[in-house]
PDB file of N, CA and C in Angstrom:
ATOM      1  N   MET A   1      14.192  60.213  85.986  1.00  0.00           N
ATOM      2  CA  MET A   1      13.751  59.751  87.278  1.00  0.00           C
ATOM      3  C   MET A   1      15.352  59.516  88.046  1.00  0.00           C
ATOM      4  N   ALA A   2      15.536  60.156  88.980  1.00  0.00           N
ATOM      5  CA  ALA A   2      16.851  60.215  89.499  1.00  0.00           C
ATOM      6  C   ALA A   2      17.075  58.861  90.404  1.00  0.00           C
ATOM      7  N   LYS A   3      18.279  58.291  90.442  1.00  0.00           N
ATOM      8  CA  LYS A   3      18.613  57.240  90.966  1.00  0.00           C
ATOM      9  C   LYS A   3      19.542  57.330  92.068  1.00  0.00           C
ATOM     10  N   ILE A   4      19.575  56.677  93.348  1.00  0.00           N
ATOM     11  CA  ILE A   4      20.762  56.945  94.214  1.00  0.00           C
ATOM     12  C   ILE A   4      21.727  55.583  94.166  1.00  0.00           C
ATOM     13  N   ILE A   5      22.903  55.417  93.905  1.00  0.00           N
ATOM     14  CA  ILE A   5      23.703  54.375  94.163  1.00  0.00           C
ATOM     15  C   ILE A   5      24.421  54.657  95.066  1.00  0.00           C
ATOM     16  N   HIS A   6      24.733  53.498  95.997  1.00  0.00           N
ATOM     17  CA  HIS A   6      25.397  53.484  97.105  1.00  0.00           C
ATOM     18  C   HIS A   6      26.582  52.668  96.748  1.00  0.00           C
ATOM     19  N   VAL A   7      27.705  53.076  97.044  1.00  0.00           N
ATOM     20  CA  VAL A   7      28.966  52.214  97.083  1.00  0.00           C
ATOM     21  C   VAL A   7      29.551  51.922  98.216  1.00  0.00           C
ATOM     22  N   ASP A   8      29.606  50.766  98.293  1.00  0.00           N
ATOM     23  CA  ASP A   8      30.288  50.232  99.778  1.00  0.00           C
ATOM     24  C   ASP A   8      31.959  50.354  99.810  1.00  0.00           C
ATOM     25  N   ASN A   9      32.588  51.429 100.354  1.00  0.00           N
ATOM     26  CA  ASN A   9      33.887  51.849  99.970  1.00  0.00           C
ATOM     27  C   ASN A   9      34.328  52.257 101.463  1.00  0.00           C
ATOM     28  N   PRO A  10      34.660  50.891 102.231  1.00  0.00           N
ATOM     29  CA  PRO A  10      35.289  51.327 103.806  1.00  0.00           C
ATOM     30  C   PRO A  10      36.954  51.455 103.493  1.00  0.00           C
ATOM     31  N   PRO A  11      37.093  52.199 104.313  1.00  0.00           N
ATOM     32  CA  PRO A  11      38.662  52.503 104.649  1.00  0.00           C
ATOM     33  C   PRO A  11      39.703  51.475 104.705  1.00  0.00           C
ATOM     34  N   ILE A  12      40.734  51.708 104.111  1.00  0.00           N
ATOM     35  CA  ILE A  12      41.661  50.659 104.157  1.00  0.00           C
ATOM     36  C   ILE A  12      42.795  51.349 105.113  1.00  0.00           C
ATOM     37  N   GLU A  13      43.184  50.831 106.128  1.00  0.00           N
ATOM     38  CA  GLU A  13      44.119  51.322 106.965  1.00  0.00           C
ATOM     39  C   GLU A  13      45.776  50.726 106.912  1.00  0.00           C
ATOM     40  N   GLU A  14      46.450  51.593 107.269  1.00  0.00           N
ATOM     41  CA  GLU A  14      47.930  50.967 107.125  1.00  0.00           C
ATOM     42  C   GLU A  14      48.393  50.197 108.499  1.00  0.00           C
ATOM     43  N   GLY A  15      49.301  49.270 108.064  1.00  0.00           N
ATOM     44  CA  GLY A  15      49.793  48.543 109.348  1.00  0.00           C
ATOM     45  C   GLY A  15      48.303  47.854 110.043  1.00  0.00           C
ATOM     46  N   ASP A  16      47.757  47.028 109.160  1.00  0.00           N
ATOM     47  CA  ASP A  16      46.304  46.320 109.656  1.00  0.00           C
ATOM     48  C   ASP A  16      46.671  45.477 110.752  1.00  0.00           C
ATOM     49  N   PRO A  17      46.449  45.733 112.151  1.00  0.00           N
ATOM     50  CA  PRO A  17      46.872  44.916 113.093  1.00  0.00           C
ATOM     51  C   PRO A  17      45.701  43.517 113.421  1.00  0.00           C
ATOM     52  N   ASN A  18      44.444  43.996 112.984  1.00  0.00           N
ATOM     53  CA  ASN A  18      43.167  43.117 113.139  1.00  0.00           C
ATOM     54  C   ASN A  18      42.793  42.284 112.008  1.00  0.00           C
ATOM     55  N   GLY A  19      43.714  42.589 110.769  1.00  0.00           N
ATOM     56  CA  GLY A  19      43.240  41.883 109.599  1.00  0.00           C
ATOM     57  C   GLY A  19      41.832  42.498 109.115  1.00  0.00           C
ATOM     58  N   GLU A  20      41.549  43.678 109.391  1.00  0.00           N
ATOM     59  CA  GLU A  20      39.998  44.264 108.777  1.00  0.00           C
ATOM     60  C   GLU A  20      40.335  44.680 107.480  1.00  0.00           C
ATOM     61  N   ASN A  21      41.649  44.967 106.962  1.00  0.00           N
ATOM     62  CA  ASN A  21      41.850  45.418 105.599  1.00  0.00           C
ATOM     63  C   ASN A  21      41.176  44.260 104.480  1.00  0.00           C
ATOM     64  N   GLU A  22      41.298  43.107 104.957  1.00  0.00           N
ATOM     65  CA  GLU A  22      40.948  42.118 103.934  1.00  0.00           C
ATOM     66  C   GLU A  22      39.515  41.879 103.674  1.00  0.00           C
ATOM     67  N   VAL A  23      38.792  42.232 104.710  1.00  0.00           N
ATOM     68  CA  VAL A  23      37.520  42.487 104.865  1.00  0.00           C
ATOM     69  C   VAL A  23      37.040  43.641 104.163  1.00  0.00           C
ATOM     70  N   ALA A  24      37.467  44.538 104.380  1.00  0.00           N
ATOM     71  CA  ALA A  24      37.366  45.764 103.663  1.00  0.00           C
ATOM     72  C   ALA A  24      37.702  45.594 102.095  1.00  0.00           C
ATOM     73  N   ILE A  25      38.673  45.078 101.788  1.00  0.00           N
ATOM     74  CA  ILE A  25      39.072  44.890 100.438  1.00  0.00           C
ATOM     75  C   ILE A  25      37.940  44.056  99.554  1.00  0.00           C
ATOM     76  N   ASN A  26      37.423  42.869 100.284  1.00  0.00           N
ATOM     77  CA  ASN A  26      36.516  42.193  99.851  1.00  0.00           C
ATOM     78  C   ASN A  26      34.946  43.126  99.538  1.00  0.00           C
ATOM     79  N   ARG A  27      34.810  43.679 100.684  1.00  0.00           N
ATOM     80  CA  ARG A  27      33.600  44.393 100.329  1.00  0.00           C
ATOM     81  C   ARG A  27      33.801  45.712  99.409  1.00  0.00           C
ATOM     82  N   ARG A  28      34.940  46.074  99.134  1.00  0.00           N
ATOM     83  CA  ARG A  28      34.921  47.484  98.000  1.00  0.00           C
ATOM     84  C   ARG A  28      34.807  46.359  96.649  1.00  0.00           C
ATOM     85  N   ASN A  29      35.416  45.129  96.294  1.00  0.00           N
ATOM     86  CA  ASN A  29      35.214  44.596  95.358  1.00  0.00           C
ATOM     87  C   ASN A  29      34.117  44.172  95.095  1.00  0.00           C
ATOM     88  N   ALA A  30      33.313  43.652  95.837  1.00  0.00           N
ATOM     89  CA  ALA A  30      31.906  43.252  95.665  1.00  0.00           C
ATOM     90  C   ALA A  30      31.103  44.375  95.317  1.00  0.00           C
ATOM     91  N   SER A  31      31.314  45.729  96.027  1.00  0.00           N
ATOM     92  CA  SER A  31      30.572  46.907  95.559  1.00  0.00           C
ATOM     93  C   SER A  31      30.862  47.187  94.188  1.00  0.00           C
ATOM     94  N   ARG A  32      32.197  47.158  93.944  1.00  0.00           N
ATOM     95  CA  ARG A  32      32.363  47.596  92.522  1.00  0.00           C
ATOM     96  C   ARG A  32      31.947  46.660  91.557  1.00  0.00           C
ATOM     97  N   GLN A  33      31.752  45.539  91.913  1.00  0.00           N
ATOM     98  CA  GLN A  33      31.092  44.306  90.691  1.00  0.00           C
ATOM     99  C   GLN A  33      29.828  44.541  90.465  1.00  0.00           C
ATOM    100  N   ILE A  34      28.929  45.034  91.627  1.00  0.00           N
ATOM    101  CA  ILE A  34      27.514  45.414  91.427  1.00  0.00           C
ATOM    102  C   ILE A  34      27.376  46.341  90.777  1.00  0.00           C
ATOM    103  N   LEU A  35      28.209  47.574  90.997  1.00  0.00           N
ATOM    104  CA  LEU A  35      28.116  48.894  90.131  1.00  0.00           C
ATOM    105  C   LEU A  35      28.441  48.624  88.794  1.00  0.00           C
ATOM    106  N   LEU A  36      29.424  47.843  88.482  1.00  0.00           N
ATOM    107  CA  LEU A  36      29.810  47.775  87.120  1.00  0.00           C
ATOM    108  C   LEU A  36      28.915  46.676  86.438  1.00  0.00           C
ATOM    109  N   THR A  37      28.243  46.142  86.929  1.00  0.00           N
ATOM    110  CA  THR A  37      27.153  45.129  86.522  1.00  0.00           C
ATOM    111  C   THR A  37      25.802  46.039  86.265  1.00  0.00           C
ATOM    112  N   TYR A  38      25.468  47.086  86.978  1.00  0.00           N
ATOM    113  CA  TYR A  38      24.387  47.810  86.866  1.00  0.00           C
ATOM    114  C   TYR A  38      24.489  48.773  85.664  1.00  0.00           C
ATOM    115  N   LEU A  39      25.794  49.466  85.692  1.00  0.00           N
ATOM    116  CA  LEU A  39      26.089  50.446  84.702  1.00  0.00           C
ATOM    117  C   LEU A  39      26.194  49.461  83.274  1.00  0.00           C
ATOM    118  N   GLY A  40      26.309  48.488  83.243  1.00  0.00           N
ATOM    119  CA  GLY A  40      26.404  47.547  82.047  1.00  0.00           C
ATOM    120  C   GLY A  40      24.993  47.319  81.508  1.00  0.00           C
ATOM    121  N   THR A  41      23.981  47.381  82.374  1.00  0.00           N
ATOM    122  CA  THR A  41      22.762  47.149  82.168  1.00  0.00           C
ATOM    123  C   THR A  41      22.094  48.340  81.394  1.00  0.00           C
ATOM    124  N   ILE A  42      22.492  49.770  81.951  1.00  0.00           N
ATOM    125  CA  ILE A  42      21.953  50.829  81.522  1.00  0.00           C
ATOM    126  C   ILE A  42      22.756  51.555  80.627  1.00  0.00           C
ATOM    127  N   SER A  43      23.743  51.009  79.980  1.00  0.00           N
ATOM    128  CA  SER A  43      24.637  51.668  79.061  1.00  0.00           C
ATOM    129  C   SER A  43      23.624  51.705  77.880  1.00  0.00           C
ATOM    130  N   GLY A  44      22.855  50.905  77.349  1.00  0.00           N
ATOM    131  CA  GLY A  44      22.223  51.213  76.012  1.00  0.00           C
ATOM    132  C   GLY A  44      21.068  52.165  76.279  1.00  0.00           C
ATOM    133  N   GLN A  45      20.802  52.964  77.387  1.00  0.00           N
ATOM    134  CA  GLN A  45      19.958  53.919  77.423  1.00  0.00           C
ATOM    135  C   GLN A  45      20.382  55.413  77.062  1.00  0.00           C
ATOM    136  N   GLU A  46      19.724  56.212  76.632  1.00  0.00           N
ATOM    137  CA  GLU A  46      20.096  57.573  76.154  1.00  0.00           C
ATOM    138  C   GLU A  46      20.577  58.227  77.527  1.00  0.00           C
ATOM    139  N   ASN A  47      21.559  58.995  77.183  1.00  0.00           N
ATOM    140  CA  ASN A  47      22.281  59.900  77.971  1.00  0.00           C
ATOM    141  C   ASN A  47      21.160  61.160  78.381  1.00  0.00           C
ATOM    142  N   TYR A  48      21.524  61.735  79.724  1.00  0.00           N
ATOM    143  CA  TYR A  48      20.570  62.510  79.941  1.00  0.00           C
ATOM    144  C   TYR A  48      21.184  64.203  79.371  1.00  0.00           C
ATOM    145  N   ARG A  49      20.170  64.792  78.753  1.00  0.00           N
ATOM    146  CA  ARG A  49      20.352  65.942  78.168  1.00  0.00           C
ATOM    147  C   ARG A  49      19.244  67.138  78.480  1.00  0.00           C
ATOM    148  N   PRO A  50      19.945  68.021  79.141  1.00  0.00           N
ATOM    149  CA  PRO A  50      18.929  69.020  79.674  1.00  0.00           C
ATOM    150  C   PRO A  50      18.025  69.730  78.527  1.00  0.00           C
ATOM    151  N   LYS A  51      17.007  70.179  78.721  1.00  0.00           N
ATOM    152  CA  LYS A  51      15.973  70.834  77.730  1.00  0.00           C
ATOM    153  C   LYS A  51      16.505  72.011  77.343  1.00  0.00           C
ATOM    154  N   ASN A  52      17.214  72.788  78.009  1.00  0.00           N
ATOM    155  CA  ASN A  52      17.841  74.192  77.624  1.00  0.00           C
ATOM    156  C   ASN A  52      19.031  73.990  77.104  1.00  0.00           C
ATOM    157  N   LEU A  53      19.732  72.907  76.954  1.00  0.00           N
ATOM    158  CA  LEU A  53      21.162  73.000  76.613  1.00  0.00           C
ATOM    159  C   LEU A  53      21.615  73.653  75.275  1.00  0.00           C
ATOM    160  N   ASP A  54      20.835  73.618  74.525  1.00  0.00           N
ATOM    161  CA  ASP A  54      21.116  74.040  72.945  1.00  0.00           C
ATOM    162  C   ASP A  54      21.068  75.569  73.240  1.00  0.00           C
ATOM    163  N   ASN A  55      20.148  75.986  73.906  1.00  0.00           N
ATOM    164  CA  ASN A  55      19.554  77.508  74.162  1.00  0.00           C
ATOM    165  C   ASN A  55      20.975  77.867  74.950  1.00  0.00           C
ATOM    166  N   LEU A  56      21.361  77.164  75.855  1.00  0.00           N
ATOM    167  CA  LEU A  56      22.537  77.758  76.810  1.00  0.00           C
ATOM    168  C   LEU A  56      23.723  77.785  76.194  1.00  0.00           C
ATOM    169  N   ASN A  57      24.002  76.642  75.314  1.00  0.00           N
ATOM    170  CA  ASN A  57      25.141  76.593  74.295  1.00  0.00           C
ATOM    171  C   ASN A  57      25.247  77.814  73.401  1.00  0.00           C
ATOM    172  N   GLU A  58      23.867  78.114  72.815  1.00  0.00           N
ATOM    173  CA  GLU A  58      23.887  79.237  71.833  1.00  0.00           C
ATOM    174  C   GLU A  58      24.065  80.667  72.422  1.00  0.00           C
ATOM    175  N   THR A  59      23.489  80.758  73.731  1.00  0.00           N
ATOM    176  CA  THR A  59      24.029  81.915  74.499  1.00  0.00           C
ATOM    177  C   THR A  59      25.576  82.073  74.985  1.00  0.00           C
ATOM    178  N   ILE A  60      25.914  81.195  75.250  1.00  0.00           N
ATOM    179  CA  ILE A  60      27.546  81.226  75.491  1.00  0.00           C
ATOM    180  C   ILE A  60      28.091  81.456  74.220  1.00  0.00           C
ATOM    181  N   ASP A  61      28.027  80.746  73.366  1.00  0.00           N
ATOM    182  CA  ASP A  61      28.855  81.120  71.607  1.00  0.00           C
ATOM    183  C   ASP A  61      28.545  82.580  71.622  1.00  0.00           C
ATOM    184  N   THR A  62      27.209  83.131  71.593  1.00  0.00           N
ATOM    185  CA  THR A  62      27.389  84.512  71.533  1.00  0.00           C
ATOM    186  C   THR A  62      28.076  85.293  72.189  1.00  0.00           C
ATOM    187  N   TYR A  63      27.849  85.093  73.518  1.00  0.00           N
ATOM    188  CA  TYR A  63      28.884  85.875  74.584  1.00  0.00           C
ATOM    189  C   TYR A  63      30.303  85.897  74.291  1.00  0.00           C
ATOM    190  N   LEU A  64      30.657  84.715  74.026  1.00  0.00           N
ATOM    191  CA  LEU A  64      32.233  84.424  73.575  1.00  0.00           C
ATOM    192  C   LEU A  64      32.606  85.412  72.167  1.00  0.00           C
ATOM    193  N   GLU A  65      31.631  85.266  71.346  1.00  0.00           N
ATOM    194  CA  GLU A  65      31.807  85.869  70.029  1.00  0.00           C
ATOM    195  C   GLU A  65      31.868  87.495  70.486  1.00  0.00           C
ATOM    196  N   GLU A  66      31.146  88.081  70.994  1.00  0.00           N
ATOM    197  CA  GLU A  66      31.070  89.313  71.546  1.00  0.00           C
ATOM    198  C   GLU A  66      32.173  89.892  72.012  1.00  0.00           C
ATOM    199  N   ASN A  67      32.337  89.218  73.166  1.00  0.00           N
ATOM    200  CA  ASN A  67      33.828  89.547  73.955  1.00  0.00           C
ATOM    201  C   ASN A  67      34.928  89.416  73.011  1.00  0.00           C
ATOM    202  N   ASP A  68      34.975  88.431  72.181  1.00  0.00           N
ATOM    203  CA  ASP A  68      36.061  88.262  71.305  1.00  0.00           C
ATOM    204  C   ASP A  68      36.462  89.486  70.451  1.00  0.00           C
ATOM    205  N   ILE A  69      35.038  89.871  69.826  1.00  0.00           N
ATOM    206  CA  ILE A  69      35.400  91.113  69.041  1.00  0.00           C
ATOM    207  C   ILE A  69      35.920  92.467  70.088  1.00  0.00           C
ATOM    208  N   GLY A  70      35.348  92.572  71.127  1.00  0.00           N
ATOM    209  CA  GLY A  70      35.660  93.578  71.879  1.00  0.00           C
ATOM    210  C   GLY A  70      37.292  93.534  72.197  1.00  0.00           C
ATOM    211  N   ILE A  71      37.579  92.616  72.507  1.00  0.00           N
ATOM    212  CA  ILE A  71      39.030  92.132  72.965  1.00  0.00           C
ATOM    213  C   ILE A  71      40.020  92.389  71.809  1.00  0.00           C
ATOM    214  N   GLN A  72      39.472  92.156  70.542  1.00  0.00           N
ATOM    215  CA  GLN A  72      40.323  92.112  69.141  1.00  0.00           C
ATOM    216  C   GLN A  72      40.309  93.835  68.790  1.00  0.00           C
ATOM    217  N   LYS A  73      39.312  94.612  69.150  1.00  0.00           N
ATOM    218  CA  LYS A  73      39.199  96.125  69.161  1.00  0.00           C
ATOM    219  C   LYS A  73      40.200  96.704  70.229  1.00  0.00           C
ATOM    220  N   ALA A  74      40.137  96.388  71.213  1.00  0.00           N
ATOM    221  CA  ALA A  74      41.127  96.647  72.203  1.00  0.00           C
ATOM    222  C   ALA A  74      42.369  96.473  71.882  1.00  0.00           C
ATOM    223  N   LEU A  75      42.631  95.328  71.470  1.00  0.00           N
ATOM    224  CA  LEU A  75      44.201  95.127  71.282  1.00  0.00           C
ATOM    225  C   LEU A  75      44.588  95.799  70.034  1.00  0.00           C
ATOM    226  N   LYS A  76      43.780  95.977  69.042  1.00  0.00           N
ATOM    227  CA  LYS A  76      44.061  96.889  67.871  1.00  0.00           C
ATOM    228  C   LYS A  76      44.277  98.330  68.364  1.00  0.00           C
ATOM    229  N   ASN A  77      43.622  98.927  69.268  1.00  0.00           N
ATOM    230  CA  ASN A  77      43.719 100.093  69.659  1.00  0.00           C
ATOM    231  C   ASN A  77      44.960 100.133  70.463  1.00  0.00           C
ATOM    232  N   GLN A  78      45.312  99.205  71.428  1.00  0.00           N
ATOM    233  CA  GLN A  78      46.445  99.172  72.097  1.00  0.00           C
ATOM    234  C   GLN A  78      47.780  99.208  71.254  1.00  0.00           C
ATOM    235  N   ILE A  79      47.604  98.225  70.063  1.00  0.00           N
ATOM    236  CA  ILE A  79      48.776  98.340  69.005  1.00  0.00           C
ATOM    237  C   ILE A  79      48.969  99.524  68.460  1.00  0.00           C
ATOM    238  N   GLY A  80      47.858 100.254  68.037  1.00  0.00           N
ATOM    239  CA  GLY A  80      47.794 101.546  67.457  1.00  0.00           C
ATOM    240  C   GLY A  80      48.614 102.636  68.347  1.00  0.00           C
ATOM    241  N   GLN A  81      48.345 102.607  69.641  1.00  0.00           N
ATOM    242  CA  GLN A  81      49.075 103.622  70.442  1.00  0.00           C
ATOM    243  C   GLN A  81      50.437 103.139  70.592  1.00  0.00           C
ATOM    244  N   LEU A  82      50.731 101.807  70.832  1.00  0.00           N
ATOM    245  CA  LEU A  82      52.115 101.445  71.079  1.00  0.00           C
ATOM    246  C   LEU A  82      52.876 101.830  69.767  1.00  0.00           C
ATOM    247  N   THR A  83      52.409 101.696  68.548  1.00  0.00           N
ATOM    248  CA  THR A  83      53.214 101.882  67.299  1.00  0.00           C
ATOM    249  C   THR A  83      53.325 103.411  67.274  1.00  0.00           C
ATOM    250  N   GLY A  84      52.219 104.469  67.686  1.00  0.00           N
ATOM    251  CA  GLY A  84      52.547 105.952  67.808  1.00  0.00           C
ATOM    252  C   GLY A  84      53.827 106.116  68.724  1.00  0.00           C
ATOM    253  N   GLN A  85      53.906 105.420  69.966  1.00  0.00           N
ATOM    254  CA  GLN A  85      54.899 105.798  70.909  1.00  0.00           C
ATOM    255  C   GLN A  85      56.213 105.322  70.440  1.00  0.00           C
ATOM    256  N   VAL A  86      56.318 104.028  69.704  1.00  0.00           N
ATOM    257  CA  VAL A  86      57.515 103.601  69.030  1.00  0.00           C
ATOM    258  C   VAL A  86      57.889 104.630  67.875  1.00  0.00           C
ATOM    259  N   MET A  87      57.068 105.343  67.202  1.00  0.00           N
ATOM    260  CA  MET A  87      57.338 106.098  66.264  1.00  0.00           C
ATOM    261  C   MET A  87      58.182 107.248  66.757  1.00  0.00           C
ATOM    262  N   LEU A  88      57.433 107.906  67.812  1.00  0.00           N
ATOM    263  CA  LEU A  88      57.775 109.177  68.646  1.00  0.00           C
ATOM    264  C   LEU A  88      59.310 108.936  69.150  1.00  0.00           C
ATOM    265  N   LEU A  89      59.431 107.650  69.736  1.00  0.00           N
ATOM    266  CA  LEU A  89      60.759 107.321  70.341  1.00  0.00           C
ATOM    267  C   LEU A  89      61.847 107.155  69.286  1.00  0.00           C
ATOM    268  N   GLU A  90      61.417 106.707  67.894  1.00  0.00           N
ATOM    269  CA  GLU A  90      62.394 106.869  67.165  1.00  0.00           C
ATOM    270  C   GLU A  90      62.673 108.223  66.533  1.00  0.00           C
ATOM    271  N   GLU A  91      61.897 108.992  66.418  1.00  0.00           N
ATOM    272  CA  GLU A  91      62.125 110.579  66.210  1.00  0.00           C
ATOM    273  C   GLU A  91      63.024 111.357  67.139  1.00  0.00           C
ATOM    274  N   LEU A  92      62.730 110.882  68.233  1.00  0.00           N
ATOM    275  CA  LEU A  92      63.486 111.643  69.282  1.00  0.00           C
ATOM    276  C   LEU A  92      64.895 110.989  69.378  1.00  0.00           C
ATOM    277  N   LYS A  93      65.018 109.565  69.063  1.00  0.00           N
ATOM    278  CA  LYS A  93      66.296 109.084  69.044  1.00  0.00           C
ATOM    279  C   LYS A  93      67.188 109.873  67.811  1.00  0.00           C
ATOM    280  N   ALA A  94      66.160 109.894  66.856  1.00  0.00           N
ATOM    281  CA  ALA A  94      67.078 110.764  65.612  1.00  0.00           C
ATOM    282  C   ALA A  94      67.600 112.122  65.864  1.00  0.00           C
ATOM    283  N   ARG A  95      66.524 112.834  66.694  1.00  0.00           N
ATOM    284  CA  ARG A  95      67.070 114.322  66.915  1.00  0.00           C
ATOM    285  C   ARG A  95      68.193 114.182  67.815  1.00  0.00           C
ATOM    286  N   ALA A  96      68.071 113.163  68.795  1.00  0.00           N
ATOM    287  CA  ALA A  96      69.148 113.288  69.919  1.00  0.00           C
ATOM    288  C   ALA A  96      70.680 112.881  69.314  1.00  0.00           C
ATOM    289  N   ALA A  97      70.536 112.111  68.170  1.00  0.00           N
ATOM    290  CA  ALA A  97      71.766 111.806  67.485  1.00  0.00           C
ATOM    291  C   ALA A  97      72.203 112.968  66.659  1.00  0.00           C
ATOM    292  N   GLU A  98      71.245 113.472  66.006  1.00  0.00           N
ATOM    293  CA  GLU A  98      71.422 115.037  65.090  1.00  0.00           C
ATOM    294  C   GLU A  98      72.345 115.873  66.245  1.00  0.00           C
ATOM    295  N   GLU A  99      71.503 116.110  67.257  1.00  0.00           N
ATOM    296  CA  GLU A  99      71.969 117.081  68.038  1.00  0.00           C
ATOM    297  C   GLU A  99      73.493 116.663  68.648  1.00  0.00           C
ATOM    298  N   THR A 100      73.828 115.619  68.752  1.00  0.00           N
ATOM    299  CA  THR A 100      74.937 115.090  69.311  1.00  0.00           C
ATOM    300  C   THR A 100      76.136 115.345  68.169  1.00  0.00           C
ATOM    301  N   ARG A 101      75.805 114.964  66.786  1.00  0.00           N
ATOM    302  CA  ARG A 101      76.591 115.271  65.896  1.00  0.00           C
ATOM    303  C   ARG A 101      77.048 116.820  65.924  1.00  0.00           C
ATOM    304  N   GLU A 102      75.825 117.616  65.947  1.00  0.00           N
ATOM    305  CA  GLU A 102      75.946 119.030  66.003  1.00  0.00           C
ATOM    306  C   GLU A 102      77.168 119.524  67.026  1.00  0.00           C
ATOM    307  N   MET A 103      76.588 119.258  68.145  1.00  0.00           N
ATOM    308  CA  MET A 103      77.746 119.306  69.431  1.00  0.00           C
ATOM    309  C   MET A 103      79.197 118.814  69.048  1.00  0.00           C
ATOM    310  N   GLN A 104      79.215 117.589  68.749  1.00  0.00           N
ATOM    311  CA  GLN A 104      80.659 117.261  68.274  1.00  0.00           C
ATOM    312  C   GLN A 104      81.217 118.256  67.109  1.00  0.00           C
ATOM    313  N   ASP A 105      80.688 118.631  66.154  1.00  0.00           N
ATOM    314  CA  ASP A 105      81.114 119.196  65.118  1.00  0.00           C
ATOM    315  C   ASP A 105      81.627 120.790  65.707  1.00  0.00           C
ATOM    316  N   GLU A 106      80.782 121.377  66.416  1.00  0.00           N
ATOM    317  CA  GLU A 106      80.948 122.478  67.068  1.00  0.00           C
ATOM    318  C   GLU A 106      82.293 122.445  68.013  1.00  0.00           C
ATOM    319  N   PHE A 107      82.330 121.239  68.784  1.00  0.00           N
ATOM    320  CA  PHE A 107      83.379 121.143  69.767  1.00  0.00           C
ATOM    321  C   PHE A 107      84.622 120.768  68.802  1.00  0.00           C
ATOM    322  N   LEU A 108      84.598 120.183  67.804  1.00  0.00           N
ATOM    323  CA  LEU A 108      85.965 119.931  66.903  1.00  0.00           C
ATOM    324  C   LEU A 108      86.374 121.279  66.523  1.00  0.00           C
ATOM    325  N   ALA A 109      85.344 122.254  65.736  1.00  0.00           N
ATOM    326  CA  ALA A 109      85.638 123.259  65.236  1.00  0.00           C
ATOM    327  C   ALA A 109      86.145 124.256  66.375  1.00  0.00           C
ATOM    328  N   GLU A 110      85.681 124.271  67.625  1.00  0.00           N
ATOM    329  CA  GLU A 110      86.315 125.248  68.483  1.00  0.00           C
ATOM    330  C   GLU A 110      87.670 124.740  69.129  1.00  0.00           C
ATOM    331  N   SER A 111      87.699 123.424  68.944  1.00  0.00           N
ATOM    332  CA  SER A 111      89.030 122.906  69.484  1.00  0.00           C
ATOM    333  C   SER A 111      90.221 123.050  68.468  1.00  0.00           C
ATOM    334  N   ASP A 112      89.743 122.965  67.226  1.00  0.00           N
ATOM    335  CA  ASP A 112      90.505 123.495  65.825  1.00  0.00           C
ATOM    336  C   ASP A 112      91.050 124.833  66.294  1.00  0.00           C
ATOM    337  N   LYS A 113      90.246 125.839  66.593  1.00  0.00           N
ATOM    338  CA  LYS A 113      90.488 127.338  66.652  1.00  0.00           C
ATOM    339  C   LYS A 113      91.476 127.585  67.927  1.00  0.00           C
ATOM    340  N   LEU A 114      91.163 126.756  68.873  1.00  0.00           N
ATOM    341  CA  LEU A 114      92.176 126.944  70.021  1.00  0.00           C
ATOM    342  C   LEU A 114      93.273 126.387  69.664  1.00  0.00           C
ATOM    343  N   GLU A 115      93.463 125.610  69.031  1.00  0.00           N
ATOM    344  CA  GLU A 115      94.975 124.867  68.633  1.00  0.00           C
ATOM    345  C   GLU A 115      95.770 125.821  67.828  1.00  0.00           C
ATOM    346  N   LYS A 116      94.845 126.447  66.652  1.00  0.00           N
ATOM    347  CA  LYS A 116      95.462 127.045  65.859  1.00  0.00           C
ATOM    348  C   LYS A 116      95.962 128.817  66.583  1.00  0.00           C
ATOM    349  N   ASN A 117      95.143 129.138  67.520  1.00  0.00           N
ATOM    350  CA  ASN A 117      95.660 130.298  68.265  1.00  0.00           C
ATOM    351  C   ASN A 117      96.594 130.009  69.272  1.00  0.00           C
ATOM    352  N   HIS A 118      96.890 128.903  69.799  1.00  0.00           N
ATOM    353  CA  HIS A 118      97.880 128.184  70.646  1.00  0.00           C
ATOM    354  C   HIS A 118      99.098 128.060  69.666  1.00  0.00           C
ATOM    355  N   LYS A 119      98.971 127.757  68.461  1.00  0.00           N
ATOM    356  CA  LYS A 119     100.034 127.573  67.493  1.00  0.00           C
ATOM    357  C   LYS A 119     100.792 128.847  67.336  1.00  0.00           C
ATOM    358  N   LYS A 120      99.932 129.977  67.043  1.00  0.00           N
ATOM    359  CA  LYS A 120     100.309 131.180  66.710  1.00  0.00           C
ATOM    360  C   LYS A 120     100.877 131.873  67.604  1.00  0.00           C
ATOM    361  N   LYS A 121     100.582 131.731  68.962  1.00  0.00           N
ATOM    362  CA  LYS A 121     100.990 132.291  70.058  1.00  0.00           C
ATOM    363  C   LYS A 121     102.725 131.496  70.117  1.00  0.00           C
ATOM    364  N   ASP A 122     102.903 130.479  69.888  1.00  0.00           N
ATOM    365  CA  ASP A 122     104.388 129.904  69.813  1.00  0.00           C
ATOM    366  C   ASP A 122     105.215 130.326  68.921  1.00  0.00           C
TER     367      ASP A 122
END
């Protein structure tokens, strides 16, 4: 059975020229006391629990578990893809370093030839 509780909570205005704030504060305090007294009398009663709450909780748990598994699979897939890309980049880096060394060696060899030819001419 639903109950409606009315709380008398009038506004308190700044710069109270008419002295109405004191009346409003007294009404608020009286309303608060009535509410607290009422809540104290019903505190021993059982809390409201919807009939389908257990079913709803189970449905939510199942949904979260299924989505969690899907998310984990997606993350593993992305990690696998990223790992493959990192390996490819490392391979490309190694190739570039090898090509750079080969070019340096060719340059040095050509430079030595030119230097020898220049010395022979002198």
